[in-house]
Amino acid sequence: MLRIHDITHIIFQGNNSHSYFDVEITGKTDHWYLNIPVCNRNYCAEIGIKTGQGGFLPLARSNPIYVPRDCPSDSPAQSRSRIVLR
């Protein structure tokens, strides 16, 4: 099981995320594509086991990542990129 935590603006202690969602892991897949529900947030993932009582036992935790906004910047300075071909 993968558990994805929203950890924006907090020091994550393992049980204090703003929200989380679970992704079932099946087969021998070594990568996943996830639909992240909210942009402009910080997330981390845990891989673990669901317990018989409905709990979650984390085995490993990822580094935090930032999911950027899903629209162009309002700043004119950031609206263009220069590409230099070499």
Protein backbone atom coordinates (compact mmCIF):
# COMPACT_ATOMS: atom_id res chain seq x y z
CA MET A 1 0.00 0.00 0.00
CA LEU A 2 1.21 3.52 -0.81
CA ARG A 3 -0.05 6.30 1.44
CA ILE A 4 0.33 9.83 0.04
CA HIS A 5 0.32 12.60 2.67
CA ASP A 6 -0.28 16.34 2.19
CA ILE A 7 2.41 17.86 4.44
CA THR A 8 2.24 21.49 3.30
CA HIS A 9 3.58 23.96 5.93
CA ILE A 10 3.98 21.37 8.70
CA ILE A 11 6.77 19.32 10.23
CA PHE A 12 5.44 15.87 9.45
CA GLN A 13 5.60 13.41 12.35
CA GLY A 14 3.93 10.45 10.63
CA ASN A 15 0.37 11.07 11.78
CA ASN A 16 -0.28 14.80 11.46
CA SER A 17 -0.76 15.32 7.71
CA HIS A 18 -3.54 17.60 6.49
CA SER A 19 -4.94 14.70 4.48
CA TYR A 20 -3.85 11.48 2.84
CA PHE A 21 -5.00 8.94 0.28
CA ASP A 22 -4.06 5.31 -0.26
CA VAL A 23 -3.02 3.55 -3.46
CA GLU A 24 -3.18 -0.24 -3.68
CA ILE A 25 0.00 -1.90 -4.91
CA THR A 26 -0.40 -5.10 -6.87
CA GLY A 27 1.87 -7.36 -8.89
CA LYS A 28 5.51 -6.71 -9.56
CA THR A 29 5.23 -3.08 -10.66
CA ASP A 30 8.18 -0.93 -9.64
CA HIS A 31 6.67 2.45 -10.59
CA TRP A 32 3.29 4.20 -10.42
CA TYR A 33 1.62 7.23 -11.93
CA LEU A 34 -0.51 9.04 -9.38
CA ASN A 35 -3.27 11.58 -9.82
CA ILE A 36 -2.44 14.17 -7.16
CA PRO A 37 -5.71 15.86 -6.15
CA VAL A 38 -4.44 19.35 -5.22
CA CYS A 39 -1.58 21.33 -6.75
CA ASN A 40 0.70 23.90 -5.10
CA ARG A 41 1.22 21.58 -2.11
CA ASN A 42 3.96 19.48 -0.49
CA TYR A 43 3.58 15.71 -0.34
CA CYS A 44 5.41 12.64 0.88
CA ALA A 45 4.68 8.97 0.32
CA GLU A 46 4.91 6.00 2.63
CA ILE A 47 4.96 2.36 1.61
CA GLY A 48 3.48 0.05 4.18
CA ILE A 49 1.05 -2.64 5.19
CA LYS A 50 -2.61 -2.32 6.16
CA THR A 51 -3.23 -4.07 9.46
CA GLY A 52 -6.18 -6.33 10.21
CA GLN A 53 -7.74 -3.65 12.40
CA GLY A 54 -7.72 -1.07 9.57
CA GLY A 55 -4.51 0.64 10.68
CA PHE A 56 -1.44 1.33 8.58
CA LEU A 57 2.10 0.18 9.39
CA PRO A 58 4.62 2.31 7.41
CA LEU A 59 7.81 0.57 6.30
CA ALA A 60 9.55 3.45 4.48
CA ARG A 61 8.92 7.16 3.80
CA SER A 62 9.92 9.28 0.83
CA ASN A 63 11.50 12.70 0.87
CA PRO A 64 8.99 15.54 0.56
CA ILE A 65 8.18 16.81 -2.91
CA TYR A 66 6.50 20.01 -4.08
CA VAL A 67 3.73 19.72 -6.68
CA PRO A 68 3.69 23.07 -8.53
CA ARG A 69 0.61 24.98 -9.55
CA ASP A 70 -1.28 23.70 -12.55
CA CYS A 71 -1.58 26.97 -14.45
CA PRO A 72 0.79 29.61 -15.86
CA SER A 73 2.36 32.15 -13.54
CA ASP A 74 0.68 35.53 -13.02
CA SER A 75 4.11 37.17 -13.11
CA PRO A 76 5.14 38.53 -16.55
CA ALA A 77 8.78 37.82 -15.65
CA GLN A 78 7.96 34.11 -15.34
CA SER A 79 5.73 33.81 -18.38
CA ARG A 80 8.55 33.16 -20.85
CA SER A 81 11.50 30.83 -20.95
CA ARG A 82 14.57 31.17 -23.09
CA ILE A 83 15.97 27.99 -24.60
CA VAL A 84 19.58 27.98 -25.73
CA LEU A 85 20.51 25.25 -28.18
CA ARG A 86 24.14 24.17 -28.26
